[in-house]
PDB file of N, CA and C in Angstrom:
ATOM      1  N   MET A   1      -8.361 -27.771 -13.019  1.00  0.00           N
ATOM      2  CA  MET A   1      -7.608 -27.694 -11.774  1.00  0.00           C
ATOM      3  C   MET A   1      -6.230 -28.311 -11.991  1.00  0.00           C
ATOM      4  N   LYS A   2      -5.285 -27.829 -11.214  1.00  0.00           N
ATOM      5  CA  LYS A   2      -3.942 -28.402 -11.226  1.00  0.00           C
ATOM      6  C   LYS A   2      -3.834 -29.377 -10.068  1.00  0.00           C
ATOM      7  N   GLU A   3      -2.866 -30.283 -10.155  1.00  0.00           N
ATOM      8  CA  GLU A   3      -2.660 -31.266  -9.095  1.00  0.00           C
ATOM      9  C   GLU A   3      -1.207 -31.252  -8.669  1.00  0.00           C
ATOM     10  N   SER A   4      -0.991 -31.231  -7.358  1.00  0.00           N
ATOM     11  CA  SER A   4       0.368 -31.269  -6.812  1.00  0.00           C
ATOM     12  C   SER A   4       0.843 -32.718  -6.737  1.00  0.00           C
ATOM     13  N   GLY A   5       2.078 -32.915  -6.380  1.00  0.00           N
ATOM     14  CA  GLY A   5       2.641 -34.253  -6.254  1.00  0.00           C
ATOM     15  C   GLY A   5       2.026 -35.075  -5.139  1.00  0.00           C
ATOM     16  N   THR A   6       1.405 -34.415  -4.161  1.00  0.00           N
ATOM     17  CA  THR A   6       0.783 -35.128  -3.046  1.00  0.00           C
ATOM     18  C   THR A   6      -0.669 -35.502  -3.327  1.00  0.00           C
ATOM     19  N   GLY A   7      -1.233 -34.958  -4.406  1.00  0.00           N
ATOM     20  CA  GLY A   7      -2.621 -35.228  -4.741  1.00  0.00           C
ATOM     21  C   GLY A   7      -3.567 -34.081  -4.458  1.00  0.00           C
ATOM     22  N   LEU A   8      -3.048 -32.985  -3.901  1.00  0.00           N
ATOM     23  CA  LEU A   8      -3.868 -31.795  -3.696  1.00  0.00           C
ATOM     24  C   LEU A   8      -4.248 -31.233  -5.058  1.00  0.00           C
ATOM     25  N   ARG A   9      -5.528 -30.972  -5.245  1.00  0.00           N
ATOM     26  CA  ARG A   9      -5.981 -30.289  -6.461  1.00  0.00           C
ATOM     27  C   ARG A   9      -6.296 -28.858  -6.074  1.00  0.00           C
ATOM     28  N   TYR A  10      -5.927 -27.921  -6.950  1.00  0.00           N
ATOM     29  CA  TYR A  10      -6.124 -26.517  -6.616  1.00  0.00           C
ATOM     30  C   TYR A  10      -6.424 -25.697  -7.854  1.00  0.00           C
ATOM     31  N   GLN A  11      -7.160 -24.616  -7.620  1.00  0.00           N
ATOM     32  CA  GLN A  11      -7.516 -23.682  -8.677  1.00  0.00           C
ATOM     33  C   GLN A  11      -7.534 -22.285  -8.069  1.00  0.00           C
ATOM     34  N   ILE A  12      -6.768 -21.369  -8.655  1.00  0.00           N
ATOM     35  CA  ILE A  12      -6.781 -19.981  -8.220  1.00  0.00           C
ATOM     36  C   ILE A  12      -7.998 -19.325  -8.870  1.00  0.00           C
ATOM     37  N   LEU A  13      -8.918 -18.829  -8.060  1.00  0.00           N
ATOM     38  CA  LEU A  13     -10.154 -18.241  -8.563  1.00  0.00           C
ATOM     39  C   LEU A  13     -10.028 -16.741  -8.767  1.00  0.00           C
ATOM     40  N   VAL A  14      -9.286 -16.079  -7.877  1.00  0.00           N
ATOM     41  CA  VAL A  14      -9.060 -14.638  -7.956  1.00  0.00           C
ATOM     42  C   VAL A  14      -7.579 -14.392  -7.695  1.00  0.00           C
ATOM     43  N   LYS A  15      -6.902 -13.738  -8.631  1.00  0.00           N
ATOM     44  CA  LYS A  15      -5.474 -13.445  -8.485  1.00  0.00           C
ATOM     45  C   LYS A  15      -5.265 -12.354  -7.444  1.00  0.00           C
ATOM     46  N   GLY A  16      -4.164 -12.459  -6.713  1.00  0.00           N
ATOM     47  CA  GLY A  16      -3.802 -11.462  -5.723  1.00  0.00           C
ATOM     48  C   GLY A  16      -2.541 -10.733  -6.145  1.00  0.00           C
ATOM     49  N   LYS A  17      -2.267  -9.611  -5.500  1.00  0.00           N
ATOM     50  CA  LYS A  17      -1.087  -8.818  -5.823  1.00  0.00           C
ATOM     51  C   LYS A  17      -0.151  -8.696  -4.638  1.00  0.00           C
ATOM     52  N   GLY A  18      -0.462  -9.411  -3.558  1.00  0.00           N
ATOM     53  CA  GLY A  18       0.341  -9.329  -2.349  1.00  0.00           C
ATOM     54  C   GLY A  18       1.537 -10.253  -2.383  1.00  0.00           C
ATOM     55  N   HIS A  19       2.107 -10.463  -1.203  1.00  0.00           N
ATOM     56  CA  HIS A  19       3.289 -11.313  -1.056  1.00  0.00           C
ATOM     57  C   HIS A  19       2.889 -12.781  -1.038  1.00  0.00           C
ATOM     58  N   LYS A  20       3.795 -13.618  -1.518  1.00  0.00           N
ATOM     59  CA  LYS A  20       3.586 -15.067  -1.519  1.00  0.00           C
ATOM     60  C   LYS A  20       3.781 -15.610  -0.103  1.00  0.00           C
ATOM     61  N   ALA A  21       2.980 -16.585   0.262  1.00  0.00           N
ATOM     62  CA  ALA A  21       3.056 -17.208   1.583  1.00  0.00           C
ATOM     63  C   ALA A  21       4.314 -18.062   1.706  1.00  0.00           C
ATOM     64  N   HIS A  22       4.901 -18.088   2.909  1.00  0.00           N
ATOM     65  CA  HIS A  22       6.095 -18.882   3.211  1.00  0.00           C
ATOM     66  C   HIS A  22       5.934 -19.574   4.560  1.00  0.00           C
ATOM     67  N   THR A  23       6.592 -20.699   4.716  1.00  0.00           N
ATOM     68  CA  THR A  23       6.617 -21.407   5.992  1.00  0.00           C
ATOM     69  C   THR A  23       7.117 -20.475   7.087  1.00  0.00           C
ATOM     70  N   GLY A  24       6.480 -20.548   8.236  1.00  0.00           N
ATOM     71  CA  GLY A  24       6.854 -19.731   9.381  1.00  0.00           C
ATOM     72  C   GLY A  24       6.021 -18.475   9.536  1.00  0.00           C
ATOM     73  N   GLN A  25       5.338 -18.065   8.477  1.00  0.00           N
ATOM     74  CA  GLN A  25       4.472 -16.890   8.570  1.00  0.00           C
ATOM     75  C   GLN A  25       3.142 -17.281   9.223  1.00  0.00           C
ATOM     76  N   ILE A  26       2.474 -16.285   9.774  1.00  0.00           N
ATOM     77  CA  ILE A  26       1.129 -16.490  10.299  1.00  0.00           C
ATOM     78  C   ILE A  26       0.150 -16.049   9.223  1.00  0.00           C
ATOM     79  N   ALA A  27      -0.699 -16.978   8.816  1.00  0.00           N
ATOM     80  CA  ALA A  27      -1.685 -16.715   7.769  1.00  0.00           C
ATOM     81  C   ALA A  27      -3.047 -16.470   8.405  1.00  0.00           C
ATOM     82  N   LYS A  28      -3.741 -15.486   7.879  1.00  0.00           N
ATOM     83  CA  LYS A  28      -5.137 -15.263   8.244  1.00  0.00           C
ATOM     84  C   LYS A  28      -5.955 -15.545   6.999  1.00  0.00           C
ATOM     85  N   ILE A  29      -6.887 -16.486   7.113  1.00  0.00           N
ATOM     86  CA  ILE A  29      -7.705 -16.871   5.976  1.00  0.00           C
ATOM     87  C   ILE A  29      -9.186 -16.769   6.313  1.00  0.00           C
ATOM     88  N   ARG A  30      -9.990 -16.585   5.274  1.00  0.00           N
ATOM     89  CA  ARG A  30     -11.438 -16.779   5.347  1.00  0.00           C
ATOM     90  C   ARG A  30     -11.693 -18.054   4.548  1.00  0.00           C
ATOM     91  N   TYR A  31     -12.514 -18.946   5.064  1.00  0.00           N
ATOM     92  CA  TYR A  31     -12.668 -20.245   4.414  1.00  0.00           C
ATOM     93  C   TYR A  31     -14.082 -20.783   4.567  1.00  0.00           C
ATOM     94  N   SER A  32     -14.413 -21.708   3.689  1.00  0.00           N
ATOM     95  CA  SER A  32     -15.580 -22.566   3.874  1.00  0.00           C
ATOM     96  C   SER A  32     -15.175 -23.955   3.400  1.00  0.00           C
ATOM     97  N   VAL A  33     -15.723 -24.955   4.059  1.00  0.00           N
ATOM     98  CA  VAL A  33     -15.401 -26.357   3.771  1.00  0.00           C
ATOM     99  C   VAL A  33     -16.688 -27.078   3.423  1.00  0.00           C
ATOM    100  N   GLU A  34     -16.622 -27.851   2.346  1.00  0.00           N
ATOM    101  CA  GLU A  34     -17.780 -28.639   1.907  1.00  0.00           C
ATOM    102  C   GLU A  34     -17.383 -30.099   1.726  1.00  0.00           C
ATOM    103  N   LEU A  35     -18.370 -30.955   1.879  1.00  0.00           N
ATOM    104  CA  LEU A  35     -18.230 -32.350   1.471  1.00  0.00           C
ATOM    105  C   LEU A  35     -18.552 -32.431  -0.013  1.00  0.00           C
ATOM    106  N   PHE A  36     -18.237 -33.533  -0.652  1.00  0.00           N
ATOM    107  CA  PHE A  36     -18.534 -33.677  -2.082  1.00  0.00           C
ATOM    108  C   PHE A  36     -20.027 -33.695  -2.361  1.00  0.00           C
ATOM    109  N   SER A  37     -20.836 -33.936  -1.347  1.00  0.00           N
ATOM    110  CA  SER A  37     -22.291 -33.881  -1.507  1.00  0.00           C
ATOM    111  C   SER A  37     -22.780 -32.452  -1.675  1.00  0.00           C
ATOM    112  N   GLY A  38     -21.890 -31.467  -1.411  1.00  0.00           N
ATOM    113  CA  GLY A  38     -22.259 -30.064  -1.480  1.00  0.00           C
ATOM    114  C   GLY A  38     -22.633 -29.477  -0.132  1.00  0.00           C
ATOM    115  N   LYS A  39     -22.681 -30.305   0.892  1.00  0.00           N
ATOM    116  CA  LYS A  39     -23.039 -29.838   2.234  1.00  0.00           C
ATOM    117  C   LYS A  39     -21.887 -29.036   2.834  1.00  0.00           C
ATOM    118  N   LYS A  40     -22.179 -27.763   3.180  1.00  0.00           N
ATOM    119  CA  LYS A  40     -21.172 -26.925   3.841  1.00  0.00           C
ATOM    120  C   LYS A  40     -21.089 -27.352   5.299  1.00  0.00           C
ATOM    121  N   ILE A  41     -19.869 -27.654   5.769  1.00  0.00           N
ATOM    122  CA  ILE A  41     -19.728 -28.151   7.136  1.00  0.00           C
ATOM    123  C   ILE A  41     -19.004 -27.184   8.065  1.00  0.00           C
ATOM    124  N   TYR A  42     -18.129 -26.349   7.532  1.00  0.00           N
ATOM    125  CA  TYR A  42     -17.416 -25.378   8.356  1.00  0.00           C
ATOM    126  C   TYR A  42     -17.193 -24.107   7.546  1.00  0.00           C
ATOM    127  N   SER A  43     -17.115 -22.969   8.237  1.00  0.00           N
ATOM    128  CA  SER A  43     -16.738 -21.718   7.593  1.00  0.00           C
ATOM    129  C   SER A  43     -16.311 -20.740   8.672  1.00  0.00           C
ATOM    130  N   GLY A  44     -15.611 -19.709   8.254  1.00  0.00           N
ATOM    131  CA  GLY A  44     -15.182 -18.690   9.201  1.00  0.00           C
ATOM    132  C   GLY A  44     -13.841 -18.108   8.808  1.00  0.00           C
ATOM    133  N   THR A  45     -13.147 -17.555   9.798  1.00  0.00           N
ATOM    134  CA  THR A  45     -11.784 -17.086   9.605  1.00  0.00           C
ATOM    135  C   THR A  45     -10.889 -17.882  10.539  1.00  0.00           C
ATOM    136  N   LYS A  46      -9.626 -17.963  10.164  1.00  0.00           N
ATOM    137  CA  LYS A  46      -8.683 -18.769  10.925  1.00  0.00           C
ATOM    138  C   LYS A  46      -7.304 -18.141  10.825  1.00  0.00           C
ATOM    139  N   LEU A  47      -6.567 -18.179  11.938  1.00  0.00           N
ATOM    140  CA  LEU A  47      -5.157 -17.793  11.984  1.00  0.00           C
ATOM    141  C   LEU A  47      -4.340 -19.032  12.290  1.00  0.00           C
ATOM    142  N   PHE A  48      -3.243 -19.245  11.569  1.00  0.00           N
ATOM    143  CA  PHE A  48      -2.353 -20.359  11.881  1.00  0.00           C
ATOM    144  C   PHE A  48      -0.955 -20.068  11.353  1.00  0.00           C
ATOM    145  N   LYS A  49       0.021 -20.697  12.004  1.00  0.00           N
ATOM    146  CA  LYS A  49       1.414 -20.562  11.587  1.00  0.00           C
ATOM    147  C   LYS A  49       1.701 -21.636  10.546  1.00  0.00           C
ATOM    148  N   ILE A  50       2.091 -21.207   9.364  1.00  0.00           N
ATOM    149  CA  ILE A  50       2.285 -22.120   8.236  1.00  0.00           C
ATOM    150  C   ILE A  50       3.467 -23.049   8.508  1.00  0.00           C
ATOM    151  N   GLY A  51       3.229 -24.334   8.351  1.00  0.00           N
ATOM    152  CA  GLY A  51       4.282 -25.330   8.502  1.00  0.00           C
ATOM    153  C   GLY A  51       4.414 -25.896   9.902  1.00  0.00           C
ATOM    154  N   TYR A  52       3.528 -25.509  10.810  1.00  0.00           N
ATOM    155  CA  TYR A  52       3.639 -25.944  12.204  1.00  0.00           C
ATOM    156  C   TYR A  52       2.436 -26.755  12.665  1.00  0.00           C
ATOM    157  N   GLY A  53       1.663 -27.288  11.737  1.00  0.00           N
ATOM    158  CA  GLY A  53       0.518 -28.117  12.096  1.00  0.00           C
ATOM    159  C   GLY A  53      -0.644 -27.276  12.597  1.00  0.00           C
ATOM    160  N   GLY A  54      -1.611 -27.946  13.170  1.00  0.00           N
ATOM    161  CA  GLY A  54      -2.783 -27.255  13.671  1.00  0.00           C
ATOM    162  C   GLY A  54      -3.908 -27.164  12.654  1.00  0.00           C
ATOM    163  N   VAL A  55      -3.605 -27.379  11.382  1.00  0.00           N
ATOM    164  CA  VAL A  55      -4.611 -27.435  10.327  1.00  0.00           C
ATOM    165  C   VAL A  55      -4.283 -28.643   9.445  1.00  0.00           C
ATOM    166  N   GLU A  56      -5.191 -28.963   8.558  1.00  0.00           N
ATOM    167  CA  GLU A  56      -4.977 -30.103   7.667  1.00  0.00           C
ATOM    168  C   GLU A  56      -3.727 -29.878   6.810  1.00  0.00           C
ATOM    169  N   ASN A  57      -3.008 -30.953   6.531  1.00  0.00           N
ATOM    170  CA  ASN A  57      -1.797 -30.872   5.707  1.00  0.00           C
ATOM    171  C   ASN A  57      -2.085 -30.265   4.342  1.00  0.00           C
ATOM    172  N   GLY A  58      -3.214 -30.629   3.753  1.00  0.00           N
ATOM    173  CA  GLY A  58      -3.569 -30.115   2.439  1.00  0.00           C
ATOM    174  C   GLY A  58      -3.847 -28.622   2.446  1.00  0.00           C
ATOM    175  N   LEU A  59      -4.396 -28.119   3.546  1.00  0.00           N
ATOM    176  CA  LEU A  59      -4.639 -26.679   3.651  1.00  0.00           C
ATOM    177  C   LEU A  59      -3.313 -25.928   3.727  1.00  0.00           C
ATOM    178  N   GLU A  60      -2.386 -26.418   4.533  1.00  0.00           N
ATOM    179  CA  GLU A  60      -1.068 -25.781   4.602  1.00  0.00           C
ATOM    180  C   GLU A  60      -0.377 -25.787   3.245  1.00  0.00           C
ATOM    181  N   GLU A  61      -0.423 -26.919   2.571  1.00  0.00           N
ATOM    182  CA  GLU A  61       0.195 -27.015   1.249  1.00  0.00           C
ATOM    183  C   GLU A  61      -0.440 -26.018   0.284  1.00  0.00           C
ATOM    184  N   GLY A  62      -1.751 -25.922   0.317  1.00  0.00           N
ATOM    185  CA  GLY A  62      -2.450 -25.008  -0.582  1.00  0.00           C
ATOM    186  C   GLY A  62      -2.145 -23.549  -0.296  1.00  0.00           C
ATOM    187  N   ILE A  63      -2.069 -23.175   0.970  1.00  0.00           N
ATOM    188  CA  ILE A  63      -1.781 -21.783   1.332  1.00  0.00           C
ATOM    189  C   ILE A  63      -0.412 -21.368   0.797  1.00  0.00           C
ATOM    190  N   LEU A  64       0.532 -22.281   0.778  1.00  0.00           N
ATOM    191  CA  LEU A  64       1.876 -21.964   0.262  1.00  0.00           C
ATOM    192  C   LEU A  64       1.874 -21.668  -1.238  1.00  0.00           C
ATOM    193  N   LEU A  65       0.793 -21.942  -1.914  1.00  0.00           N
ATOM    194  CA  LEU A  65       0.665 -21.644  -3.342  1.00  0.00           C
ATOM    195  C   LEU A  65       0.087 -20.250  -3.592  1.00  0.00           C
ATOM    196  N   LEU A  66      -0.359 -19.580  -2.535  1.00  0.00           N
ATOM    197  CA  LEU A  66      -1.108 -18.334  -2.682  1.00  0.00           C
ATOM    198  C   LEU A  66      -0.301 -17.092  -2.323  1.00  0.00           C
ATOM    199  N   LYS A  67      -0.791 -15.968  -2.856  1.00  0.00           N
ATOM    200  CA  LYS A  67      -0.336 -14.633  -2.479  1.00  0.00           C
ATOM    201  C   LYS A  67      -1.469 -13.976  -1.695  1.00  0.00           C
ATOM    202  N   THR A  68      -1.121 -12.982  -0.896  1.00  0.00           N
ATOM    203  CA  THR A  68      -2.144 -12.238  -0.162  1.00  0.00           C
ATOM    204  C   THR A  68      -3.194 -11.700  -1.130  1.00  0.00           C
ATOM    205  N   GLY A  69      -4.449 -11.879  -0.774  1.00  0.00           N
ATOM    206  CA  GLY A  69      -5.565 -11.403  -1.589  1.00  0.00           C
ATOM    207  C   GLY A  69      -6.112 -12.449  -2.546  1.00  0.00           C
ATOM    208  N   GLU A  70      -5.394 -13.546  -2.736  1.00  0.00           N
ATOM    209  CA  GLU A  70      -5.875 -14.561  -3.676  1.00  0.00           C
ATOM    210  C   GLU A  70      -6.970 -15.413  -3.052  1.00  0.00           C
ATOM    211  N   GLU A  71      -7.849 -15.868  -3.930  1.00  0.00           N
ATOM    212  CA  GLU A  71      -8.900 -16.802  -3.553  1.00  0.00           C
ATOM    213  C   GLU A  71      -8.705 -18.074  -4.363  1.00  0.00           C
ATOM    214  N   ALA A  72      -8.940 -19.207  -3.708  1.00  0.00           N
ATOM    215  CA  ALA A  72      -8.686 -20.484  -4.372  1.00  0.00           C
ATOM    216  C   ALA A  72      -9.673 -21.539  -3.901  1.00  0.00           C
ATOM    217  N   ARG A  73      -9.755 -22.593  -4.707  1.00  0.00           N
ATOM    218  CA  ARG A  73     -10.493 -23.794  -4.337  1.00  0.00           C
ATOM    219  C   ARG A  73      -9.477 -24.918  -4.243  1.00  0.00           C
ATOM    220  N   PHE A  74      -9.496 -25.626  -3.131  1.00  0.00           N
ATOM    221  CA  PHE A  74      -8.626 -26.781  -2.915  1.00  0.00           C
ATOM    222  C   PHE A  74      -9.484 -28.017  -2.739  1.00  0.00           C
ATOM    223  N   ILE A  75      -9.092 -29.096  -3.375  1.00  0.00           N
ATOM    224  CA  ILE A  75      -9.703 -30.393  -3.098  1.00  0.00           C
ATOM    225  C   ILE A  75      -8.647 -31.216  -2.384  1.00  0.00           C
ATOM    226  N   LEU A  76      -8.926 -31.500  -1.115  1.00  0.00           N
ATOM    227  CA  LEU A  76      -8.006 -32.268  -0.287  1.00  0.00           C
ATOM    228  C   LEU A  76      -8.428 -33.724  -0.303  1.00  0.00           C
ATOM    229  N   PRO A  77      -7.587 -34.624  -0.837  1.00  0.00           N
ATOM    230  CA  PRO A  77      -7.912 -36.044  -0.688  1.00  0.00           C
ATOM    231  C   PRO A  77      -7.879 -36.391   0.801  1.00  0.00           C
ATOM    232  N   SER A  78      -8.499 -37.464   1.180  1.00  0.00           N
ATOM    233  CA  SER A  78      -8.641 -37.774   2.611  1.00  0.00           C
ATOM    234  C   SER A  78      -7.304 -37.836   3.338  1.00  0.00           C
ATOM    235  N   HIS A  79      -6.233 -38.301   2.672  1.00  0.00           N
ATOM    236  CA  HIS A  79      -4.935 -38.397   3.362  1.00  0.00           C
ATOM    237  C   HIS A  79      -4.327 -37.026   3.641  1.00  0.00           C
ATOM    238  N   LEU A  80      -4.825 -35.966   2.991  1.00  0.00           N
ATOM    239  CA  LEU A  80      -4.365 -34.600   3.279  1.00  0.00           C
ATOM    240  C   LEU A  80      -5.393 -33.836   4.121  1.00  0.00           C
ATOM    241  N   ALA A  81      -6.490 -34.514   4.481  1.00  0.00           N
ATOM    242  CA  ALA A  81      -7.532 -33.891   5.305  1.00  0.00           C
ATOM    243  C   ALA A  81      -7.512 -34.565   6.683  1.00  0.00           C
ATOM    244  N   TYR A  82      -8.517 -35.375   6.984  1.00  0.00           N
ATOM    245  CA  TYR A  82      -8.593 -36.012   8.302  1.00  0.00           C
ATOM    246  C   TYR A  82      -8.346 -37.512   8.267  1.00  0.00           C
ATOM    247  N   GLY A  83      -8.032 -38.061   7.087  1.00  0.00           N
ATOM    248  CA  GLY A  83      -7.575 -39.433   6.956  1.00  0.00           C
ATOM    249  C   GLY A  83      -8.537 -40.502   7.420  1.00  0.00           C
ATOM    250  N   LEU A  84      -7.959 -41.508   8.061  1.00  0.00           N
ATOM    251  CA  LEU A  84      -8.692 -42.715   8.437  1.00  0.00           C
ATOM    252  C   LEU A  84      -9.762 -42.478   9.491  1.00  0.00           C
ATOM    253  N   SER A  85      -9.579 -41.481  10.337  1.00  0.00           N
ATOM    254  CA  SER A  85     -10.483 -41.328  11.475  1.00  0.00           C
ATOM    255  C   SER A  85     -11.550 -40.253  11.306  1.00  0.00           C
ATOM    256  N   GLY A  86     -11.423 -39.362  10.311  1.00  0.00           N
ATOM    257  CA  GLY A  86     -12.323 -38.226  10.230  1.00  0.00           C
ATOM    258  C   GLY A  86     -11.994 -37.240  11.341  1.00  0.00           C
ATOM    259  N   ASP A  87     -12.846 -36.267  11.558  1.00  0.00           N
ATOM    260  CA  ASP A  87     -12.556 -35.293  12.621  1.00  0.00           C
ATOM    261  C   ASP A  87     -13.368 -35.545  13.886  1.00  0.00           C
ATOM    262  N   GLY A  88     -14.139 -36.628  13.907  1.00  0.00           N
ATOM    263  CA  GLY A  88     -14.928 -36.945  15.086  1.00  0.00           C
ATOM    264  C   GLY A  88     -16.161 -36.073  15.240  1.00  0.00           C
ATOM    265  N   ASN A  89     -16.441 -35.251  14.224  1.00  0.00           N
ATOM    266  CA  ASN A  89     -17.582 -34.349  14.308  1.00  0.00           C
ATOM    267  C   ASN A  89     -18.372 -34.395  12.999  1.00  0.00           C
ATOM    268  N   LYS A  90     -17.958 -33.589  12.012  1.00  0.00           N
ATOM    269  CA  LYS A  90     -18.715 -33.477  10.770  1.00  0.00           C
ATOM    270  C   LYS A  90     -18.051 -34.163   9.578  1.00  0.00           C
ATOM    271  N   VAL A  91     -16.786 -34.567   9.718  1.00  0.00           N
ATOM    272  CA  VAL A  91     -16.057 -35.199   8.608  1.00  0.00           C
ATOM    273  C   VAL A  91     -15.936 -36.692   8.896  1.00  0.00           C
ATOM    274  N   PRO A  92     -16.601 -37.526   8.098  1.00  0.00           N
ATOM    275  CA  PRO A  92     -16.486 -38.977   8.275  1.00  0.00           C
ATOM    276  C   PRO A  92     -15.086 -39.488   7.889  1.00  0.00           C
ATOM    277  N   PRO A  93     -14.748 -40.707   8.300  1.00  0.00           N
ATOM    278  CA  PRO A  93     -13.470 -41.311   7.890  1.00  0.00           C
ATOM    279  C   PRO A  93     -13.346 -41.384   6.358  1.00  0.00           C
ATOM    280  N   HIS A  94     -12.115 -41.307   5.874  1.00  0.00           N
ATOM    281  CA  HIS A  94     -11.789 -41.460   4.444  1.00  0.00           C
ATOM    282  C   HIS A  94     -12.515 -40.451   3.556  1.00  0.00           C
ATOM    283  N   THR A  95     -12.697 -39.222   4.014  1.00  0.00           N
ATOM    284  CA  THR A  95     -13.498 -38.251   3.283  1.00  0.00           C
ATOM    285  C   THR A  95     -12.652 -37.126   2.700  1.00  0.00           C
ATOM    286  N   PRO A  96     -12.695 -36.933   1.375  1.00  0.00           N
ATOM    287  CA  PRO A  96     -12.043 -35.765   0.783  1.00  0.00           C
ATOM    288  C   PRO A  96     -12.865 -34.507   1.088  1.00  0.00           C
ATOM    289  N   LEU A  97     -12.201 -33.359   1.084  1.00  0.00           N
ATOM    290  CA  LEU A  97     -12.858 -32.096   1.395  1.00  0.00           C
ATOM    291  C   LEU A  97     -12.631 -31.077   0.295  1.00  0.00           C
ATOM    292  N   ILE A  98     -13.581 -30.174   0.141  1.00  0.00           N
ATOM    293  CA  ILE A  98     -13.437 -29.041  -0.763  1.00  0.00           C
ATOM    294  C   ILE A  98     -13.332 -27.781   0.093  1.00  0.00           C
ATOM    295  N   TYR A  99     -12.229 -27.077  -0.062  1.00  0.00           N
ATOM    296  CA  TYR A  99     -11.985 -25.830   0.665  1.00  0.00           C
ATOM    297  C   TYR A  99     -12.074 -24.664  -0.309  1.00  0.00           C
ATOM    298  N   TYR A 100     -12.798 -23.627   0.079  1.00  0.00           N
ATOM    299  CA  TYR A 100     -12.760 -22.334  -0.602  1.00  0.00           C
ATOM    300  C   TYR A 100     -12.057 -21.389   0.356  1.00  0.00           C
ATOM    301  N   VAL A 101     -10.968 -20.767  -0.114  1.00  0.00           N
ATOM    302  CA  VAL A 101     -10.092 -20.007   0.779  1.00  0.00           C
ATOM    303  C   VAL A 101      -9.760 -18.649   0.161  1.00  0.00           C
ATOM    304  N   LYS A 102      -9.717 -17.641   1.005  1.00  0.00           N
ATOM    305  CA  LYS A 102      -9.131 -16.349   0.626  1.00  0.00           C
ATOM    306  C   LYS A 102      -8.033 -16.054   1.634  1.00  0.00           C
ATOM    307  N   LEU A 103      -6.825 -15.804   1.139  1.00  0.00           N
ATOM    308  CA  LEU A 103      -5.697 -15.451   1.994  1.00  0.00           C
ATOM    309  C   LEU A 103      -5.793 -13.956   2.282  1.00  0.00           C
ATOM    310  N   LEU A 104      -6.194 -13.632   3.496  1.00  0.00           N
ATOM    311  CA  LEU A 104      -6.452 -12.250   3.877  1.00  0.00           C
ATOM    312  C   LEU A 104      -5.193 -11.484   4.254  1.00  0.00           C
ATOM    313  N   GLU A 105      -4.286 -12.181   4.977  1.00  0.00           N
ATOM    314  CA  GLU A 105      -3.146 -11.471   5.557  1.00  0.00           C
ATOM    315  C   GLU A 105      -2.026 -12.442   5.885  1.00  0.00           C
ATOM    316  N   LEU A 106      -0.791 -11.962   5.798  1.00  0.00           N
ATOM    317  CA  LEU A 106       0.396 -12.709   6.228  1.00  0.00           C
ATOM    318  C   LEU A 106       1.192 -11.835   7.185  1.00  0.00           C
ATOM    319  N   LYS A 107       1.658 -12.453   8.274  1.00  0.00           N
ATOM    320  CA  LYS A 107       2.505 -11.719   9.230  1.00  0.00           C
ATOM    321  C   LYS A 107       3.786 -12.502   9.437  1.00  0.00           C
TER     322      LYS A 107
END
């Protein structure tokens, strides 16, 4: 895996041939999220505007590394996920996350 300057670890699993993601675009992704124990905690599809919050900082950073059609694995350290407080549901405080993502579409 490669590591960004913020500590995000990422690996492109399937190469894509589409356009590269940019801030301001609306991304549609299919994702699953796991804890390091291997327990899957979330999955589904999601739409969000890149660079405008609403998702974890590490997910936004990772999406900017992808082209449409690419699949990747991201390891978000806790400071790029839910940090000190967790998400109040399935993610405990100080917890890193593993994201499996496919960038389906950019608008």
